[in-house]
Amino acid sequence: MKTEKELLLEHLDAIHTTPLGAERIRKNLNVEEKDIVAFCKQKIKKKNACVYRNGKNWYCEIDHMRFTINASSYTIITAHKCK
């Protein structure tokens, strides 16, 4: 049986965001990454990333950040710093 992380990683190529989503993620994480989707994917792929699904969303927690990804469209909805 596959882990939740493996299930999400199977669709890594489908992960994307909208222009507004990209700006929201940059602002919330206080980063100036030009390719914010690539930045998020690198975090998701990290060995110690905690990935889980709750309802209609995937969540990935890594490096004091939490990414929220829609489970059906694979759109990165938002990201936040975690305390």
PDB file of N, CA and C in Angstrom:
ATOM      1  N   MET A   1       0.847  -1.194   0.000  1.00  0.00           N
ATOM      2  CA  MET A   1       0.000   0.000   0.000  1.00  0.00           C
ATOM      3  C   MET A   1       0.889   1.253   0.000  1.00  0.00           C
ATOM      4  N   LYS A   2       0.537   2.199  -0.837  1.00  0.00           N
ATOM      5  CA  LYS A   2       1.321   3.425  -0.963  1.00  0.00           C
ATOM      6  C   LYS A   2       1.007   4.394   0.177  1.00  0.00           C
ATOM      7  N   THR A   3       2.028   5.174   0.544  1.00  0.00           N
ATOM      8  CA  THR A   3       1.819   6.214   1.547  1.00  0.00           C
ATOM      9  C   THR A   3       1.123   7.399   0.890  1.00  0.00           C
ATOM     10  N   GLU A   4       0.589   8.280   1.700  1.00  0.00           N
ATOM     11  CA  GLU A   4      -0.054   9.481   1.157  1.00  0.00           C
ATOM     12  C   GLU A   4       0.954  10.327   0.388  1.00  0.00           C
ATOM     13  N   LYS A   5       2.182  10.377   0.883  1.00  0.00           N
ATOM     14  CA  LYS A   5       3.213  11.143   0.188  1.00  0.00           C
ATOM     15  C   LYS A   5       3.471  10.547  -1.198  1.00  0.00           C
ATOM     16  N   GLU A   6       3.560   9.228  -1.288  1.00  0.00           N
ATOM     17  CA  GLU A   6       3.782   8.585  -2.587  1.00  0.00           C
ATOM     18  C   GLU A   6       2.634   8.880  -3.549  1.00  0.00           C
ATOM     19  N   LEU A   7       1.411   8.888  -3.028  1.00  0.00           N
ATOM     20  CA  LEU A   7       0.249   9.183  -3.870  1.00  0.00           C
ATOM     21  C   LEU A   7       0.325  10.602  -4.433  1.00  0.00           C
ATOM     22  N   LEU A   8       0.720  11.559  -3.600  1.00  0.00           N
ATOM     23  CA  LEU A   8       0.851  12.938  -4.075  1.00  0.00           C
ATOM     24  C   LEU A   8       2.011  13.064  -5.063  1.00  0.00           C
ATOM     25  N   LEU A   9       3.132  12.422  -4.758  1.00  0.00           N
ATOM     26  CA  LEU A   9       4.300  12.525  -5.630  1.00  0.00           C
ATOM     27  C   LEU A   9       4.048  11.919  -7.009  1.00  0.00           C
ATOM     28  N   GLU A  10       3.129  10.976  -7.109  1.00  0.00           N
ATOM     29  CA  GLU A  10       2.765  10.425  -8.415  1.00  0.00           C
ATOM     30  C   GLU A  10       2.196  11.488  -9.351  1.00  0.00           C
ATOM     31  N   HIS A  11       1.676  12.560  -8.777  1.00  0.00           N
ATOM     32  CA  HIS A  11       1.055  13.637  -9.548  1.00  0.00           C
ATOM     33  C   HIS A  11       1.859  14.930  -9.461  1.00  0.00           C
ATOM     34  N   LEU A  12       3.134  14.815  -9.162  1.00  0.00           N
ATOM     35  CA  LEU A  12       3.976  15.997  -8.997  1.00  0.00           C
ATOM     36  C   LEU A  12       3.951  16.898 -10.225  1.00  0.00           C
ATOM     37  N   ASP A  13       3.941  16.303 -11.413  1.00  0.00           N
ATOM     38  CA  ASP A  13       3.927  17.101 -12.644  1.00  0.00           C
ATOM     39  C   ASP A  13       2.640  17.903 -12.811  1.00  0.00           C
ATOM     40  N   ALA A  14       1.564  17.460 -12.172  1.00  0.00           N
ATOM     41  CA  ALA A  14       0.271  18.145 -12.299  1.00  0.00           C
ATOM     42  C   ALA A  14       0.135  19.316 -11.327  1.00  0.00           C
ATOM     43  N   ILE A  15       1.016  19.404 -10.348  1.00  0.00           N
ATOM     44  CA  ILE A  15       0.918  20.467  -9.349  1.00  0.00           C
ATOM     45  C   ILE A  15       1.215  21.814 -10.003  1.00  0.00           C
ATOM     46  N   HIS A  16       0.336  22.772  -9.752  1.00  0.00           N
ATOM     47  CA  HIS A  16       0.452  24.111 -10.345  1.00  0.00           C
ATOM     48  C   HIS A  16      -0.252  25.107  -9.421  1.00  0.00           C
ATOM     49  N   THR A  17      -0.230  26.354  -9.797  1.00  0.00           N
ATOM     50  CA  THR A  17      -1.006  27.371  -9.081  1.00  0.00           C
ATOM     51  C   THR A  17      -1.432  28.444 -10.073  1.00  0.00           C
ATOM     52  N   THR A  18      -2.267  29.343  -9.607  1.00  0.00           N
ATOM     53  CA  THR A  18      -2.724  30.462 -10.429  1.00  0.00           C
ATOM     54  C   THR A  18      -1.777  31.644 -10.204  1.00  0.00           C
ATOM     55  N   PRO A  19      -1.832  32.651 -11.057  1.00  0.00           N
ATOM     56  CA  PRO A  19      -0.999  33.845 -10.815  1.00  0.00           C
ATOM     57  C   PRO A  19      -1.280  34.483  -9.451  1.00  0.00           C
ATOM     58  N   LEU A  20      -2.559  34.562  -9.075  1.00  0.00           N
ATOM     59  CA  LEU A  20      -2.885  35.125  -7.755  1.00  0.00           C
ATOM     60  C   LEU A  20      -2.390  34.219  -6.637  1.00  0.00           C
ATOM     61  N   GLY A  21      -2.496  32.910  -6.854  1.00  0.00           N
ATOM     62  CA  GLY A  21      -2.003  31.952  -5.867  1.00  0.00           C
ATOM     63  C   GLY A  21      -0.505  32.093  -5.670  1.00  0.00           C
ATOM     64  N   ALA A  22       0.227  32.290  -6.758  1.00  0.00           N
ATOM     65  CA  ALA A  22       1.679  32.446  -6.673  1.00  0.00           C
ATOM     66  C   ALA A  22       2.037  33.673  -5.833  1.00  0.00           C
ATOM     67  N   GLU A  23       1.340  34.770  -6.057  1.00  0.00           N
ATOM     68  CA  GLU A  23       1.601  35.984  -5.273  1.00  0.00           C
ATOM     69  C   GLU A  23       1.260  35.767  -3.798  1.00  0.00           C
ATOM     70  N   ARG A  24       0.158  35.089  -3.530  1.00  0.00           N
ATOM     71  CA  ARG A  24      -0.261  34.810  -2.152  1.00  0.00           C
ATOM     72  C   ARG A  24       0.785  33.949  -1.449  1.00  0.00           C
ATOM     73  N   ILE A  25       1.292  32.932  -2.136  1.00  0.00           N
ATOM     74  CA  ILE A  25       2.303  32.049  -1.544  1.00  0.00           C
ATOM     75  C   ILE A  25       3.580  32.826  -1.252  1.00  0.00           C
ATOM     76  N   ARG A  26       4.042  33.620  -2.211  1.00  0.00           N
ATOM     77  CA  ARG A  26       5.250  34.435  -1.993  1.00  0.00           C
ATOM     78  C   ARG A  26       5.084  35.350  -0.786  1.00  0.00           C
ATOM     79  N   LYS A  27       3.931  36.001  -0.716  1.00  0.00           N
ATOM     80  CA  LYS A  27       3.667  36.936   0.390  1.00  0.00           C
ATOM     81  C   LYS A  27       3.610  36.204   1.730  1.00  0.00           C
ATOM     82  N   ASN A  28       2.859  35.097   1.782  1.00  0.00           N
ATOM     83  CA  ASN A  28       2.690  34.370   3.043  1.00  0.00           C
ATOM     84  C   ASN A  28       3.991  33.768   3.555  1.00  0.00           C
ATOM     85  N   LEU A  29       4.843  33.311   2.638  1.00  0.00           N
ATOM     86  CA  LEU A  29       6.109  32.697   3.040  1.00  0.00           C
ATOM     87  C   LEU A  29       7.259  33.690   3.076  1.00  0.00           C
ATOM     88  N   ASN A  30       7.004  34.900   2.588  1.00  0.00           N
ATOM     89  CA  ASN A  30       8.023  35.947   2.538  1.00  0.00           C
ATOM     90  C   ASN A  30       9.241  35.480   1.736  1.00  0.00           C
ATOM     91  N   VAL A  31       8.964  34.957   0.539  1.00  0.00           N
ATOM     92  CA  VAL A  31      10.029  34.531  -0.372  1.00  0.00           C
ATOM     93  C   VAL A  31       9.848  35.252  -1.705  1.00  0.00           C
ATOM     94  N   GLU A  32      10.928  35.393  -2.438  1.00  0.00           N
ATOM     95  CA  GLU A  32      10.871  36.083  -3.730  1.00  0.00           C
ATOM     96  C   GLU A  32      11.215  35.147  -4.876  1.00  0.00           C
ATOM     97  N   GLU A  33      10.930  33.857  -4.698  1.00  0.00           N
ATOM     98  CA  GLU A  33      11.216  32.870  -5.733  1.00  0.00           C
ATOM     99  C   GLU A  33      10.484  33.233  -7.020  1.00  0.00           C
ATOM    100  N   LYS A  34      11.206  33.228  -8.123  1.00  0.00           N
ATOM    101  CA  LYS A  34      10.580  33.525  -9.409  1.00  0.00           C
ATOM    102  C   LYS A  34       9.617  32.402  -9.792  1.00  0.00           C
ATOM    103  N   ASP A  35      10.080  31.140  -9.684  1.00  0.00           N
ATOM    104  CA  ASP A  35       9.247  29.983 -10.004  1.00  0.00           C
ATOM    105  C   ASP A  35       8.759  29.373  -8.693  1.00  0.00           C
ATOM    106  N   ILE A  36       7.678  29.903  -8.176  1.00  0.00           N
ATOM    107  CA  ILE A  36       7.179  29.487  -6.867  1.00  0.00           C
ATOM    108  C   ILE A  36       6.678  28.046  -6.891  1.00  0.00           C
ATOM    109  N   VAL A  37       6.175  27.573  -8.019  1.00  0.00           N
ATOM    110  CA  VAL A  37       5.711  26.187  -8.112  1.00  0.00           C
ATOM    111  C   VAL A  37       6.898  25.237  -7.965  1.00  0.00           C
ATOM    112  N   ALA A  38       7.999  25.534  -8.634  1.00  0.00           N
ATOM    113  CA  ALA A  38       9.205  24.706  -8.509  1.00  0.00           C
ATOM    114  C   ALA A  38       9.700  24.709  -7.062  1.00  0.00           C
ATOM    115  N   PHE A  39       9.639  25.867  -6.410  1.00  0.00           N
ATOM    116  CA  PHE A  39      10.028  25.981  -5.009  1.00  0.00           C
ATOM    117  C   PHE A  39       9.173  25.054  -4.144  1.00  0.00           C
ATOM    118  N   CYS A  40       7.861  25.084  -4.354  1.00  0.00           N
ATOM    119  CA  CYS A  40       6.947  24.240  -3.579  1.00  0.00           C
ATOM    120  C   CYS A  40       7.191  22.758  -3.849  1.00  0.00           C
ATOM    121  N   LYS A  41       7.394  22.406  -5.111  1.00  0.00           N
ATOM    122  CA  LYS A  41       7.636  21.002  -5.462  1.00  0.00           C
ATOM    123  C   LYS A  41       8.910  20.482  -4.803  1.00  0.00           C
ATOM    124  N   GLN A  42       9.955  21.309  -4.761  1.00  0.00           N
ATOM    125  CA  GLN A  42      11.198  20.896  -4.108  1.00  0.00           C
ATOM    126  C   GLN A  42      10.963  20.611  -2.631  1.00  0.00           C
ATOM    127  N   LYS A  43      10.150  21.431  -1.992  1.00  0.00           N
ATOM    128  CA  LYS A  43       9.835  21.207  -0.574  1.00  0.00           C
ATOM    129  C   LYS A  43       9.044  19.911  -0.399  1.00  0.00           C
ATOM    130  N   ILE A  44       8.061  19.675  -1.267  1.00  0.00           N
ATOM    131  CA  ILE A  44       7.223  18.482  -1.180  1.00  0.00           C
ATOM    132  C   ILE A  44       8.061  17.213  -1.354  1.00  0.00           C
ATOM    133  N   LYS A  45       9.068  17.268  -2.222  1.00  0.00           N
ATOM    134  CA  LYS A  45       9.904  16.099  -2.511  1.00  0.00           C
ATOM    135  C   LYS A  45      10.899  15.775  -1.405  1.00  0.00           C
ATOM    136  N   LYS A  46      11.134  16.699  -0.494  1.00  0.00           N
ATOM    137  CA  LYS A  46      12.118  16.464   0.555  1.00  0.00           C
ATOM    138  C   LYS A  46      11.746  15.217   1.369  1.00  0.00           C
ATOM    139  N   LYS A  47      12.773  14.475   1.739  1.00  0.00           N
ATOM    140  CA  LYS A  47      12.576  13.204   2.450  1.00  0.00           C
ATOM    141  C   LYS A  47      11.776  13.369   3.746  1.00  0.00           C
ATOM    142  N   ASN A  48      12.020  14.446   4.462  1.00  0.00           N
ATOM    143  CA  ASN A  48      11.362  14.636   5.763  1.00  0.00           C
ATOM    144  C   ASN A  48      10.052  15.424   5.679  1.00  0.00           C
ATOM    145  N   ALA A  49       9.529  15.627   4.466  1.00  0.00           N
ATOM    146  CA  ALA A  49       8.243  16.321   4.317  1.00  0.00           C
ATOM    147  C   ALA A  49       7.115  15.426   4.828  1.00  0.00           C
ATOM    148  N   CYS A  50       6.232  16.015   5.615  1.00  0.00           N
ATOM    149  CA  CYS A  50       5.063  15.301   6.136  1.00  0.00           C
ATOM    150  C   CYS A  50       3.878  15.636   5.223  1.00  0.00           C
ATOM    151  N   VAL A  51       3.372  14.621   4.517  1.00  0.00           N
ATOM    152  CA  VAL A  51       2.270  14.811   3.581  1.00  0.00           C
ATOM    153  C   VAL A  51       1.065  14.032   4.070  1.00  0.00           C
ATOM    154  N   TYR A  52      -0.092  14.675   4.086  1.00  0.00           N
ATOM    155  CA  TYR A  52      -1.324  13.999   4.477  1.00  0.00           C
ATOM    156  C   TYR A  52      -2.501  14.634   3.755  1.00  0.00           C
ATOM    157  N   ARG A  53      -3.567  13.871   3.681  1.00  0.00           N
ATOM    158  CA  ARG A  53      -4.780  14.364   3.040  1.00  0.00           C
ATOM    159  C   ARG A  53      -5.864  14.509   4.092  1.00  0.00           C
ATOM    160  N   ASN A  54      -6.594  15.603   3.999  1.00  0.00           N
ATOM    161  CA  ASN A  54      -7.726  15.849   4.888  1.00  0.00           C
ATOM    162  C   ASN A  54      -8.836  16.423   4.021  1.00  0.00           C
ATOM    163  N   GLY A  55      -9.884  15.623   3.784  1.00  0.00           N
ATOM    164  CA  GLY A  55     -10.988  16.081   2.952  1.00  0.00           C
ATOM    165  C   GLY A  55     -10.546  16.294   1.521  1.00  0.00           C
ATOM    166  N   LYS A  56     -10.836  17.484   1.003  1.00  0.00           N
ATOM    167  CA  LYS A  56     -10.554  17.760  -0.409  1.00  0.00           C
ATOM    168  C   LYS A  56      -9.151  18.292  -0.664  1.00  0.00           C
ATOM    169  N   ASN A  57      -8.323  18.354   0.353  1.00  0.00           N
ATOM    170  CA  ASN A  57      -6.992  18.936   0.198  1.00  0.00           C
ATOM    171  C   ASN A  57      -5.878  18.020   0.671  1.00  0.00           C
ATOM    172  N   TRP A  58      -4.729  18.164   0.008  1.00  0.00           N
ATOM    173  CA  TRP A  58      -3.475  17.598   0.482  1.00  0.00           C
ATOM    174  C   TRP A  58      -2.780  18.686   1.289  1.00  0.00           C
ATOM    175  N   TYR A  59      -2.024  18.282   2.287  1.00  0.00           N
ATOM    176  CA  TYR A  59      -1.218  19.208   3.073  1.00  0.00           C
ATOM    177  C   TYR A  59       0.203  18.667   3.123  1.00  0.00           C
ATOM    178  N   CYS A  60       1.143  19.558   3.011  1.00  0.00           N
ATOM    179  CA  CYS A  60       2.549  19.191   3.120  1.00  0.00           C
ATOM    180  C   CYS A  60       3.183  20.137   4.122  1.00  0.00           C
ATOM    181  N   GLU A  61       3.799  19.570   5.151  1.00  0.00           N
ATOM    182  CA  GLU A  61       4.476  20.370   6.169  1.00  0.00           C
ATOM    183  C   GLU A  61       5.964  20.056   6.133  1.00  0.00           C
ATOM    184  N   ILE A  62       6.756  21.108   5.959  1.00  0.00           N
ATOM    185  CA  ILE A  62       8.209  20.969   5.859  1.00  0.00           C
ATOM    186  C   ILE A  62       8.863  22.321   6.144  1.00  0.00           C
ATOM    187  N   ASP A  63       9.990  22.310   6.837  1.00  0.00           N
ATOM    188  CA  ASP A  63      10.768  23.539   7.078  1.00  0.00           C
ATOM    189  C   ASP A  63       9.916  24.687   7.625  1.00  0.00           C
ATOM    190  N   HIS A  64       9.042  24.369   8.560  1.00  0.00           N
ATOM    191  CA  HIS A  64       8.170  25.361   9.201  1.00  0.00           C
ATOM    192  C   HIS A  64       7.222  26.043   8.218  1.00  0.00           C
ATOM    193  N   MET A  65       6.819  25.288   7.184  1.00  0.00           N
ATOM    194  CA  MET A  65       5.855  25.775   6.192  1.00  0.00           C
ATOM    195  C   MET A  65       4.784  24.711   5.984  1.00  0.00           C
ATOM    196  N   ARG A  66       3.571  25.156   5.644  1.00  0.00           N
ATOM    197  CA  ARG A  66       2.489  24.231   5.305  1.00  0.00           C
ATOM    198  C   ARG A  66       1.899  24.651   3.966  1.00  0.00           C
ATOM    199  N   PHE A  67       1.918  23.731   3.010  1.00  0.00           N
ATOM    200  CA  PHE A  67       1.358  23.949   1.678  1.00  0.00           C
ATOM    201  C   PHE A  67       0.004  23.257   1.608  1.00  0.00           C
ATOM    202  N   THR A  68      -0.980  23.922   1.032  1.00  0.00           N
ATOM    203  CA  THR A  68      -2.309  23.353   0.841  1.00  0.00           C
ATOM    204  C   THR A  68      -2.531  23.177  -0.647  1.00  0.00           C
ATOM    205  N   ILE A  69      -2.837  21.926  -1.041  1.00  0.00           N
ATOM    206  CA  ILE A  69      -2.978  21.577  -2.457  1.00  0.00           C
ATOM    207  C   ILE A  69      -4.328  20.907  -2.664  1.00  0.00           C
ATOM    208  N   ASN A  70      -5.111  21.412  -3.602  1.00  0.00           N
ATOM    209  CA  ASN A  70      -6.406  20.804  -3.905  1.00  0.00           C
ATOM    210  C   ASN A  70      -6.178  19.389  -4.434  1.00  0.00           C
ATOM    211  N   ALA A  71      -6.906  18.417  -3.869  1.00  0.00           N
ATOM    212  CA  ALA A  71      -6.674  17.008  -4.183  1.00  0.00           C
ATOM    213  C   ALA A  71      -7.178  16.599  -5.563  1.00  0.00           C
ATOM    214  N   SER A  72      -8.119  17.320  -6.131  1.00  0.00           N
ATOM    215  CA  SER A  72      -8.626  16.917  -7.446  1.00  0.00           C
ATOM    216  C   SER A  72      -7.943  17.664  -8.590  1.00  0.00           C
ATOM    217  N   SER A  73      -7.606  18.934  -8.392  1.00  0.00           N
ATOM    218  CA  SER A  73      -6.995  19.717  -9.465  1.00  0.00           C
ATOM    219  C   SER A  73      -5.479  19.862  -9.321  1.00  0.00           C
ATOM    220  N   TYR A  74      -4.948  19.511  -8.147  1.00  0.00           N
ATOM    221  CA  TYR A  74      -3.526  19.648  -7.827  1.00  0.00           C
ATOM    222  C   TYR A  74      -3.052  21.101  -7.908  1.00  0.00           C
ATOM    223  N   THR A  75      -3.955  22.013  -7.582  1.00  0.00           N
ATOM    224  CA  THR A  75      -3.619  23.436  -7.516  1.00  0.00           C
ATOM    225  C   THR A  75      -3.111  23.761  -6.115  1.00  0.00           C
ATOM    226  N   ILE A  76      -1.953  24.405  -6.037  1.00  0.00           N
ATOM    227  CA  ILE A  76      -1.476  24.886  -4.744  1.00  0.00           C
ATOM    228  C   ILE A  76      -2.336  26.083  -4.388  1.00  0.00           C
ATOM    229  N   ILE A  77      -3.135  25.927  -3.363  1.00  0.00           N
ATOM    230  CA  ILE A  77      -4.095  26.968  -2.984  1.00  0.00           C
ATOM    231  C   ILE A  77      -3.390  28.064  -2.202  1.00  0.00           C
ATOM    232  N   THR A  78      -2.608  27.640  -1.211  1.00  0.00           N
ATOM    233  CA  THR A  78      -1.920  28.608  -0.367  1.00  0.00           C
ATOM    234  C   THR A  78      -0.786  27.919   0.366  1.00  0.00           C
ATOM    235  N   ALA A  79      -0.006  28.708   1.052  1.00  0.00           N
ATOM    236  CA  ALA A  79       1.062  28.214   1.906  1.00  0.00           C
ATOM    237  C   ALA A  79       1.215  29.196   3.052  1.00  0.00           C
ATOM    238  N   HIS A  80       1.589  28.664   4.190  1.00  0.00           N
ATOM    239  CA  HIS A  80       1.755  29.491   5.394  1.00  0.00           C
ATOM    240  C   HIS A  80       2.993  29.065   6.152  1.00  0.00           C
ATOM    241  N   LYS A  81       3.533  29.997   6.909  1.00  0.00           N
ATOM    242  CA  LYS A  81       4.593  29.648   7.851  1.00  0.00           C
ATOM    243  C   LYS A  81       3.929  29.007   9.066  1.00  0.00           C
ATOM    244  N   CYS A  82       4.567  27.988   9.599  1.00  0.00           N
ATOM    245  CA  CYS A  82       4.079  27.311  10.813  1.00  0.00           C
ATOM    246  C   CYS A  82       4.968  27.705  11.984  1.00  0.00           C
ATOM    247  N   LYS A  83       4.352  27.759  13.129  1.00  0.00           N
ATOM    248  CA  LYS A  83       5.126  28.097  14.330  1.00  0.00           C
ATOM    249  C   LYS A  83       5.649  26.862  14.997  1.00  0.00           C
TER     250      LYS A  83
END
